[in-house]
């Protein structure tokens, strides 16, 4: 994805990107210089998956339109197929 910088030095993030990361007007971003270039990330970002009592726990937000029940069923079906050797 290619972005342009305007005369004021601003970059506009496309709406699908803002939606996917839950960015709204006034959201703070961190910028980090790396060997490959620049990296932007939400300032409030924390790991969305953490281990608690030996289980993975999702603390983040689900993208709009995603269905937890469907995601869980698909994952369960995949694990059952994998364990049964199918």
PDB file of N, CA and C in Angstrom:
ATOM      1  N   UNK A   1       0.849  -1.163   0.000  1.00  0.00           N
ATOM      2  CA  UNK A   1       0.000   0.000   0.000  1.00  0.00           C
ATOM      3  C   UNK A   1       0.901   1.234   0.000  1.00  0.00           C
ATOM      4  N   UNK A   2       0.603   2.173  -0.837  1.00  0.00           N
ATOM      5  CA  UNK A   2       1.385   3.399  -0.938  1.00  0.00           C
ATOM      6  C   UNK A   2       0.552   4.577  -0.456  1.00  0.00           C
ATOM      7  N   UNK A   3       1.157   5.432   0.363  1.00  0.00           N
ATOM      8  CA  UNK A   3       0.496   6.625   0.883  1.00  0.00           C
ATOM      9  C   UNK A   3       1.287   7.848   0.457  1.00  0.00           C
ATOM     10  N   UNK A   4       0.626   9.002   0.422  1.00  0.00           N
ATOM     11  CA  UNK A   4       1.300  10.253   0.092  1.00  0.00           C
ATOM     12  C   UNK A   4       1.304  11.169   1.313  1.00  0.00           C
ATOM     13  N   UNK A   5       2.339  11.968   1.415  1.00  0.00           N
ATOM     14  CA  UNK A   5       2.437  12.974   2.469  1.00  0.00           C
ATOM     15  C   UNK A   5       2.005  14.307   1.868  1.00  0.00           C
ATOM     16  N   UNK A   6       1.077  15.020   2.545  1.00  0.00           N
ATOM     17  CA  UNK A   6       0.639  16.313   2.017  1.00  0.00           C
ATOM     18  C   UNK A   6       1.621  17.412   2.406  1.00  0.00           C
ATOM     19  N   UNK A   7       1.340  18.649   2.003  1.00  0.00           N
ATOM     20  CA  UNK A   7       2.258  19.772   2.249  1.00  0.00           C
ATOM     21  C   UNK A   7       2.505  20.022   3.722  1.00  0.00           C
ATOM     22  N   UNK A   8       1.549  19.677   4.564  1.00  0.00           N
ATOM     23  CA  UNK A   8       1.690  19.882   6.001  1.00  0.00           C
ATOM     24  C   UNK A   8       2.406  18.704   6.671  1.00  0.00           C
ATOM     25  N   UNK A   9       2.803  17.687   5.875  1.00  0.00           N
ATOM     26  CA  UNK A   9       3.498  16.538   6.425  1.00  0.00           C
ATOM     27  C   UNK A   9       2.572  15.465   6.970  1.00  0.00           C
ATOM     28  N   UNK A  10       1.307  15.530   6.612  1.00  0.00           N
ATOM     29  CA  UNK A  10       0.326  14.560   7.126  1.00  0.00           C
ATOM     30  C   UNK A  10       0.179  13.380   6.179  1.00  0.00           C
ATOM     31  N   UNK A  11      -0.114  12.232   6.777  1.00  0.00           N
ATOM     32  CA  UNK A  11      -0.404  11.017   6.028  1.00  0.00           C
ATOM     33  C   UNK A  11      -1.809  10.585   6.418  1.00  0.00           C
ATOM     34  N   UNK A  12      -2.614  10.263   5.430  1.00  0.00           N
ATOM     35  CA  UNK A  12      -3.977   9.805   5.707  1.00  0.00           C
ATOM     36  C   UNK A  12      -4.007   8.292   5.582  1.00  0.00           C
ATOM     37  N   UNK A  13      -4.425   7.629   6.655  1.00  0.00           N
ATOM     38  CA  UNK A  13      -4.555   6.175   6.635  1.00  0.00           C
ATOM     39  C   UNK A  13      -5.903   5.812   6.025  1.00  0.00           C
ATOM     40  N   UNK A  14      -5.933   4.861   5.098  1.00  0.00           N
ATOM     41  CA  UNK A  14      -7.204   4.459   4.484  1.00  0.00           C
ATOM     42  C   UNK A  14      -8.187   3.937   5.533  1.00  0.00           C
ATOM     43  N   UNK A  15      -9.472   4.154   5.282  1.00  0.00           N
ATOM     44  CA  UNK A  15     -10.510   3.764   6.232  1.00  0.00           C
ATOM     45  C   UNK A  15     -10.443   2.283   6.613  1.00  0.00           C
ATOM     46  N   UNK A  16     -10.235   1.349   5.673  1.00  0.00           N
ATOM     47  CA  UNK A  16     -10.149  -0.064   6.086  1.00  0.00           C
ATOM     48  C   UNK A  16      -9.032  -0.322   7.100  1.00  0.00           C
ATOM     49  N   UNK A  17      -7.925   0.382   6.965  1.00  0.00           N
ATOM     50  CA  UNK A  17      -6.810   0.229   7.910  1.00  0.00           C
ATOM     51  C   UNK A  17      -7.214   0.800   9.267  1.00  0.00           C
ATOM     52  N   UNK A  18      -7.812   2.000   9.265  1.00  0.00           N
ATOM     53  CA  UNK A  18      -8.256   2.603  10.529  1.00  0.00           C
ATOM     54  C   UNK A  18      -9.268   1.716  11.232  1.00  0.00           C
ATOM     55  N   UNK A  19     -10.208   1.157  10.468  1.00  0.00           N
ATOM     56  CA  UNK A  19     -11.231   0.276  11.053  1.00  0.00           C
ATOM     57  C   UNK A  19     -10.599  -0.992  11.633  1.00  0.00           C
ATOM     58  N   UNK A  20      -9.683  -1.592  10.890  1.00  0.00           N
ATOM     59  CA  UNK A  20      -9.063  -2.845  11.330  1.00  0.00           C
ATOM     60  C   UNK A  20      -8.310  -2.671  12.643  1.00  0.00           C
ATOM     61  N   UNK A  21      -7.694  -1.499  12.846  1.00  0.00           N
ATOM     62  CA  UNK A  21      -6.919  -1.257  14.055  1.00  0.00           C
ATOM     63  C   UNK A  21      -7.684  -0.449  15.098  1.00  0.00           C
ATOM     64  N   UNK A  22      -8.946  -0.148  14.819  1.00  0.00           N
ATOM     65  CA  UNK A  22      -9.763   0.577  15.781  1.00  0.00           C
ATOM     66  C   UNK A  22      -9.294   2.009  16.002  1.00  0.00           C
ATOM     67  N   UNK A  23      -8.756   2.635  14.959  1.00  0.00           N
ATOM     68  CA  UNK A  23      -8.256   4.010  15.083  1.00  0.00           C
ATOM     69  C   UNK A  23      -9.361   5.001  14.758  1.00  0.00           C
ATOM     70  N   UNK A  24      -9.547   5.959  15.634  1.00  0.00           N
ATOM     71  CA  UNK A  24     -10.543   7.007  15.418  1.00  0.00           C
ATOM     72  C   UNK A  24      -9.840   8.357  15.508  1.00  0.00           C
ATOM     73  N   UNK A  25     -10.565   9.429  15.196  1.00  0.00           N
ATOM     74  CA  UNK A  25      -9.984  10.769  15.252  1.00  0.00           C
ATOM     75  C   UNK A  25      -9.402  11.013  16.642  1.00  0.00           C
ATOM     76  N   UNK A  26      -8.198  11.508  16.689  1.00  0.00           N
ATOM     77  CA  UNK A  26      -7.540  11.793  17.957  1.00  0.00           C
ATOM     78  C   UNK A  26      -6.721  10.632  18.507  1.00  0.00           C
ATOM     79  N   UNK A  27      -6.778   9.476  17.827  1.00  0.00           N
ATOM     80  CA  UNK A  27      -5.993   8.325  18.290  1.00  0.00           C
ATOM     81  C   UNK A  27      -4.506   8.671  18.223  1.00  0.00           C
ATOM     82  N   UNK A  28      -3.769   8.206  19.212  1.00  0.00           N
ATOM     83  CA  UNK A  28      -2.334   8.466  19.243  1.00  0.00           C
ATOM     84  C   UNK A  28      -1.577   7.294  18.650  1.00  0.00           C
ATOM     85  N   UNK A  29      -0.572   7.624  17.830  1.00  0.00           N
ATOM     86  CA  UNK A  29       0.280   6.618  17.217  1.00  0.00           C
ATOM     87  C   UNK A  29       1.713   6.832  17.669  1.00  0.00           C
ATOM     88  N   UNK A  30       2.451   5.743  17.782  1.00  0.00           N
ATOM     89  CA  UNK A  30       3.881   5.814  18.034  1.00  0.00           C
ATOM     90  C   UNK A  30       4.571   5.603  16.699  1.00  0.00           C
ATOM     91  N   UNK A  31       5.665   6.327  16.478  1.00  0.00           N
ATOM     92  CA  UNK A  31       6.460   6.126  15.277  1.00  0.00           C
ATOM     93  C   UNK A  31       7.833   5.654  15.717  1.00  0.00           C
ATOM     94  N   UNK A  32       8.329   4.646  15.040  1.00  0.00           N
ATOM     95  CA  UNK A  32       9.628   4.087  15.394  1.00  0.00           C
ATOM     96  C   UNK A  32      10.459   3.967  14.122  1.00  0.00           C
ATOM     97  N   UNK A  33      11.703   4.424  14.206  1.00  0.00           N
ATOM     98  CA  UNK A  33      12.629   4.260  13.092  1.00  0.00           C
ATOM     99  C   UNK A  33      13.267   2.886  13.209  1.00  0.00           C
ATOM    100  N   UNK A  34      13.242   2.149  12.107  1.00  0.00           N
ATOM    101  CA  UNK A  34      13.870   0.830  12.070  1.00  0.00           C
ATOM    102  C   UNK A  34      14.857   0.798  10.913  1.00  0.00           C
ATOM    103  N   UNK A  35      15.619  -0.272  10.821  1.00  0.00           N
ATOM    104  CA  UNK A  35      16.568  -0.415   9.716  1.00  0.00           C
ATOM    105  C   UNK A  35      15.844  -0.454   8.373  1.00  0.00           C
ATOM    106  N   UNK A  36      14.584  -0.920   8.375  1.00  0.00           N
ATOM    107  CA  UNK A  36      13.813  -1.016   7.137  1.00  0.00           C
ATOM    108  C   UNK A  36      13.032   0.248   6.805  1.00  0.00           C
ATOM    109  N   UNK A  37      12.916   1.171   7.743  1.00  0.00           N
ATOM    110  CA  UNK A  37      12.148   2.389   7.503  1.00  0.00           C
ATOM    111  C   UNK A  37      11.434   2.852   8.755  1.00  0.00           C
ATOM    112  N   UNK A  38      10.175   3.235   8.597  1.00  0.00           N
ATOM    113  CA  UNK A  38       9.371   3.736   9.715  1.00  0.00           C
ATOM    114  C   UNK A  38       8.264   2.741  10.033  1.00  0.00           C
ATOM    115  N   UNK A  39       7.931   2.664  11.322  1.00  0.00           N
ATOM    116  CA  UNK A  39       6.844   1.795  11.749  1.00  0.00           C
ATOM    117  C   UNK A  39       5.888   2.620  12.603  1.00  0.00           C
ATOM    118  N   UNK A  40       4.609   2.554  12.268  1.00  0.00           N
ATOM    119  CA  UNK A  40       3.556   3.210  13.056  1.00  0.00           C
ATOM    120  C   UNK A  40       2.783   2.148  13.804  1.00  0.00           C
ATOM    121  N   UNK A  41       2.425   2.456  15.048  1.00  0.00           N
ATOM    122  CA  UNK A  41       1.570   1.543  15.809  1.00  0.00           C
ATOM    123  C   UNK A  41       0.769   2.361  16.805  1.00  0.00           C
ATOM    124  N   UNK A  42      -0.435   1.866  17.145  1.00  0.00           N
ATOM    125  CA  UNK A  42      -1.236   2.573  18.141  1.00  0.00           C
ATOM    126  C   UNK A  42      -0.463   2.680  19.458  1.00  0.00           C
ATOM    127  N   UNK A  43      -0.480   3.854  20.087  1.00  0.00           N
ATOM    128  CA  UNK A  43       0.262   4.078  21.327  1.00  0.00           C
ATOM    129  C   UNK A  43      -0.278   3.236  22.467  1.00  0.00           C
ATOM    130  N   UNK A  44      -1.553   2.955  22.465  1.00  0.00           N
ATOM    131  CA  UNK A  44      -2.170   2.207  23.560  1.00  0.00           C
ATOM    132  C   UNK A  44      -2.060   0.708  23.351  1.00  0.00           C
ATOM    133  N   UNK A  45      -1.400   0.319  22.296  1.00  0.00           N
ATOM    134  CA  UNK A  45      -1.341  -1.093  21.899  1.00  0.00           C
ATOM    135  C   UNK A  45      -0.760  -1.981  22.996  1.00  0.00           C
ATOM    136  N   UNK A  46      -1.432  -3.029  23.293  1.00  0.00           N
ATOM    137  CA  UNK A  46      -0.942  -4.037  24.216  1.00  0.00           C
ATOM    138  C   UNK A  46      -1.228  -5.385  23.558  1.00  0.00           C
ATOM    139  N   UNK A  47      -0.565  -6.426  23.979  1.00  0.00           N
ATOM    140  CA  UNK A  47      -0.804  -7.721  23.344  1.00  0.00           C
ATOM    141  C   UNK A  47      -2.274  -8.112  23.461  1.00  0.00           C
ATOM    142  N   UNK A  48      -2.858  -8.542  22.353  1.00  0.00           N
ATOM    143  CA  UNK A  48      -4.258  -8.950  22.410  1.00  0.00           C
ATOM    144  C   UNK A  48      -4.401 -10.385  22.893  1.00  0.00           C
ATOM    145  N   UNK A  49      -3.337 -11.183  22.757  1.00  0.00           N
ATOM    146  CA  UNK A  49      -3.354 -12.554  23.268  1.00  0.00           C
ATOM    147  C   UNK A  49      -2.391 -12.669  24.441  1.00  0.00           C
ATOM    148  N   UNK A  50      -2.899 -13.131  25.555  1.00  0.00           N
ATOM    149  CA  UNK A  50      -2.065 -13.339  26.733  1.00  0.00           C
ATOM    150  C   UNK A  50      -2.356 -14.746  27.264  1.00  0.00           C
ATOM    151  N   UNK A  51      -1.398 -15.292  27.978  1.00  0.00           N
ATOM    152  CA  UNK A  51      -1.592 -16.601  28.586  1.00  0.00           C
ATOM    153  C   UNK A  51      -2.033 -16.416  30.027  1.00  0.00           C
ATOM    154  N   UNK A  52      -3.152 -17.035  30.364  1.00  0.00           N
ATOM    155  CA  UNK A  52      -3.656 -16.972  31.731  1.00  0.00           C
ATOM    156  C   UNK A  52      -4.112 -18.381  32.123  1.00  0.00           C
ATOM    157  N   UNK A  53      -3.552 -18.893  33.192  1.00  0.00           N
ATOM    158  CA  UNK A  53      -3.867 -20.245  33.671  1.00  0.00           C
ATOM    159  C   UNK A  53      -3.658 -21.297  32.577  1.00  0.00           C
ATOM    160  N   UNK A  54      -2.617 -21.099  31.761  1.00  0.00           N
ATOM    161  CA  UNK A  54      -2.288 -22.065  30.715  1.00  0.00           C
ATOM    162  C   UNK A  54      -3.137 -21.978  29.467  1.00  0.00           C
ATOM    163  N   UNK A  55      -4.044 -21.002  29.406  1.00  0.00           N
ATOM    164  CA  UNK A  55      -4.908 -20.826  28.235  1.00  0.00           C
ATOM    165  C   UNK A  55      -4.644 -19.482  27.591  1.00  0.00           C
ATOM    166  N   UNK A  56      -4.804 -19.420  26.263  1.00  0.00           N
ATOM    167  CA  UNK A  56      -4.686 -18.139  25.579  1.00  0.00           C
ATOM    168  C   UNK A  56      -5.980 -17.355  25.753  1.00  0.00           C
ATOM    169  N   UNK A  57      -5.843 -16.102  26.126  1.00  0.00           N
ATOM    170  CA  UNK A  57      -6.984 -15.227  26.353  1.00  0.00           C
ATOM    171  C   UNK A  57      -6.848 -14.026  25.426  1.00  0.00           C
ATOM    172  N   UNK A  58      -7.895 -13.745  24.649  1.00  0.00           N
ATOM    173  CA  UNK A  58      -7.892 -12.608  23.726  1.00  0.00           C
ATOM    174  C   UNK A  58      -8.426 -11.382  24.453  1.00  0.00           C
ATOM    175  N   UNK A  59      -7.579 -10.338  24.570  1.00  0.00           N
ATOM    176  CA  UNK A  59      -7.990  -9.109  25.254  1.00  0.00           C
ATOM    177  C   UNK A  59      -8.272  -7.977  24.285  1.00  0.00           C
ATOM    178  N   UNK A  60      -8.052  -8.200  23.012  1.00  0.00           N
ATOM    179  CA  UNK A  60      -8.235  -7.148  22.019  1.00  0.00           C
ATOM    180  C   UNK A  60      -9.688  -7.027  21.596  1.00  0.00           C
ATOM    181  N   UNK A  61      -9.884  -6.312  20.528  1.00  0.00           N
ATOM    182  CA  UNK A  61     -11.230  -6.153  19.989  1.00  0.00           C
ATOM    183  C   UNK A  61     -11.334  -6.914  18.684  1.00  0.00           C
ATOM    184  N   UNK A  62     -12.480  -7.443  18.425  1.00  0.00           N
ATOM    185  CA  UNK A  62     -12.732  -8.195  17.211  1.00  0.00           C
ATOM    186  C   UNK A  62     -13.076  -7.209  16.090  1.00  0.00           C
ATOM    187  N   UNK A  63     -12.533  -7.419  14.890  1.00  0.00           N
ATOM    188  CA  UNK A  63     -12.866  -6.522  13.783  1.00  0.00           C
ATOM    189  C   UNK A  63     -14.372  -6.496  13.532  1.00  0.00           C
ATOM    190  N   UNK A  64     -14.852  -5.360  13.029  1.00  0.00           N
ATOM    191  CA  UNK A  64     -16.278  -5.235  12.729  1.00  0.00           C
ATOM    192  C   UNK A  64     -16.700  -6.319  11.743  1.00  0.00           C
ATOM    193  N   UNK A  65     -17.853  -6.889  11.980  1.00  0.00           N
ATOM    194  CA  UNK A  65     -18.393  -7.904  11.095  1.00  0.00           C
ATOM    195  C   UNK A  65     -17.925  -9.311  11.416  1.00  0.00           C
ATOM    196  N   UNK A  66     -16.951  -9.459  12.307  1.00  0.00           N
ATOM    197  CA  UNK A  66     -16.469 -10.800  12.661  1.00  0.00           C
ATOM    198  C   UNK A  66     -17.450 -11.439  13.647  1.00  0.00           C
ATOM    199  N   UNK A  67     -17.595 -12.739  13.537  1.00  0.00           N
ATOM    200  CA  UNK A  67     -18.542 -13.477  14.373  1.00  0.00           C
ATOM    201  C   UNK A  67     -17.761 -14.452  15.248  1.00  0.00           C
ATOM    202  N   UNK A  68     -17.725 -14.193  16.573  1.00  0.00           N
ATOM    203  CA  UNK A  68     -16.985 -15.056  17.502  1.00  0.00           C
ATOM    204  C   UNK A  68     -17.422 -16.499  17.372  1.00  0.00           C
ATOM    205  N   UNK A  69     -18.725 -16.726  17.352  1.00  0.00           N
ATOM    206  CA  UNK A  69     -19.231 -18.099  17.318  1.00  0.00           C
ATOM    207  C   UNK A  69     -18.744 -18.839  16.076  1.00  0.00           C
ATOM    208  N   UNK A  70     -18.780 -18.174  14.936  1.00  0.00           N
ATOM    209  CA  UNK A  70     -18.321 -18.791  13.697  1.00  0.00           C
ATOM    210  C   UNK A  70     -16.822 -19.075  13.761  1.00  0.00           C
ATOM    211  N   UNK A  71     -16.042 -18.112  14.262  1.00  0.00           N
ATOM    212  CA  UNK A  71     -14.597 -18.306  14.380  1.00  0.00           C
ATOM    213  C   UNK A  71     -14.271 -19.474  15.305  1.00  0.00           C
ATOM    214  N   UNK A  72     -14.967 -19.579  16.421  1.00  0.00           N
ATOM    215  CA  UNK A  72     -14.734 -20.664  17.375  1.00  0.00           C
ATOM    216  C   UNK A  72     -15.104 -22.009  16.749  1.00  0.00           C
ATOM    217  N   UNK A  73     -16.245 -22.062  16.054  1.00  0.00           N
ATOM    218  CA  UNK A  73     -16.670 -23.314  15.421  1.00  0.00           C
ATOM    219  C   UNK A  73     -15.673 -23.758  14.355  1.00  0.00           C
ATOM    220  N   UNK A  74     -15.190 -22.806  13.533  1.00  0.00           N
ATOM    221  CA  UNK A  74     -14.219 -23.146  12.491  1.00  0.00           C
ATOM    222  C   UNK A  74     -12.925 -23.667  13.107  1.00  0.00           C
ATOM    223  N   UNK A  75     -12.462 -23.024  14.174  1.00  0.00           N
ATOM    224  CA  UNK A  75     -11.244 -23.468  14.838  1.00  0.00           C
ATOM    225  C   UNK A  75     -11.435 -24.850  15.448  1.00  0.00           C
ATOM    226  N   UNK A  76     -12.566 -25.056  16.080  1.00  0.00           N
ATOM    227  CA  UNK A  76     -12.859 -26.352  16.696  1.00  0.00           C
ATOM    228  C   UNK A  76     -12.883 -27.447  15.633  1.00  0.00           C
ATOM    229  N   UNK A  77     -13.555 -27.172  14.504  1.00  0.00           N
ATOM    230  CA  UNK A  77     -13.617 -28.155  13.417  1.00  0.00           C
ATOM    231  C   UNK A  77     -12.223 -28.474  12.880  1.00  0.00           C
ATOM    232  N   UNK A  78     -11.389 -27.451  12.722  1.00  0.00           N
ATOM    233  CA  UNK A  78     -10.012 -27.656  12.238  1.00  0.00           C
ATOM    234  C   UNK A  78      -9.223 -28.539  13.211  1.00  0.00           C
ATOM    235  N   UNK A  79      -9.359 -28.277  14.515  1.00  0.00           N
ATOM    236  CA  UNK A  79      -8.640 -29.076  15.506  1.00  0.00           C
ATOM    237  C   UNK A  79      -9.131 -30.518  15.535  1.00  0.00           C
ATOM    238  N   UNK A  80     -10.429 -30.723  15.407  1.00  0.00           N
ATOM    239  CA  UNK A  80     -10.983 -32.078  15.392  1.00  0.00           C
ATOM    240  C   UNK A  80     -10.464 -32.842  14.167  1.00  0.00           C
ATOM    241  N   UNK A  81     -10.472 -32.192  12.991  1.00  0.00           N
ATOM    242  CA  UNK A  81      -9.956 -32.838  11.785  1.00  0.00           C
ATOM    243  C   UNK A  81      -8.481 -33.171  11.943  1.00  0.00           C
ATOM    244  N   UNK A  82      -7.715 -32.268  12.516  1.00  0.00           N
ATOM    245  CA  UNK A  82      -6.287 -32.489  12.701  1.00  0.00           C
ATOM    246  C   UNK A  82      -6.025 -33.650  13.670  1.00  0.00           C
ATOM    247  N   UNK A  83      -6.761 -33.693  14.762  1.00  0.00           N
ATOM    248  CA  UNK A  83      -6.572 -34.760  15.742  1.00  0.00           C
ATOM    249  C   UNK A  83      -7.032 -36.114  15.234  1.00  0.00           C
ATOM    250  N   UNK A  84      -8.032 -36.119  14.351  1.00  0.00           N
ATOM    251  CA  UNK A  84      -8.550 -37.377  13.834  1.00  0.00           C
ATOM    252  C   UNK A  84      -7.772 -37.870  12.615  1.00  0.00           C
ATOM    253  N   UNK A  85      -6.805 -37.049  12.166  1.00  0.00           N
ATOM    254  CA  UNK A  85      -5.973 -37.458  11.034  1.00  0.00           C
ATOM    255  C   UNK A  85      -6.605 -37.224   9.686  1.00  0.00           C
ATOM    256  N   UNK A  86      -7.631 -36.430   9.609  1.00  0.00           N
ATOM    257  CA  UNK A  86      -8.298 -36.165   8.322  1.00  0.00           C
ATOM    258  C   UNK A  86      -7.641 -35.036   7.585  1.00  0.00           C
TER     259      UNK A  86
END
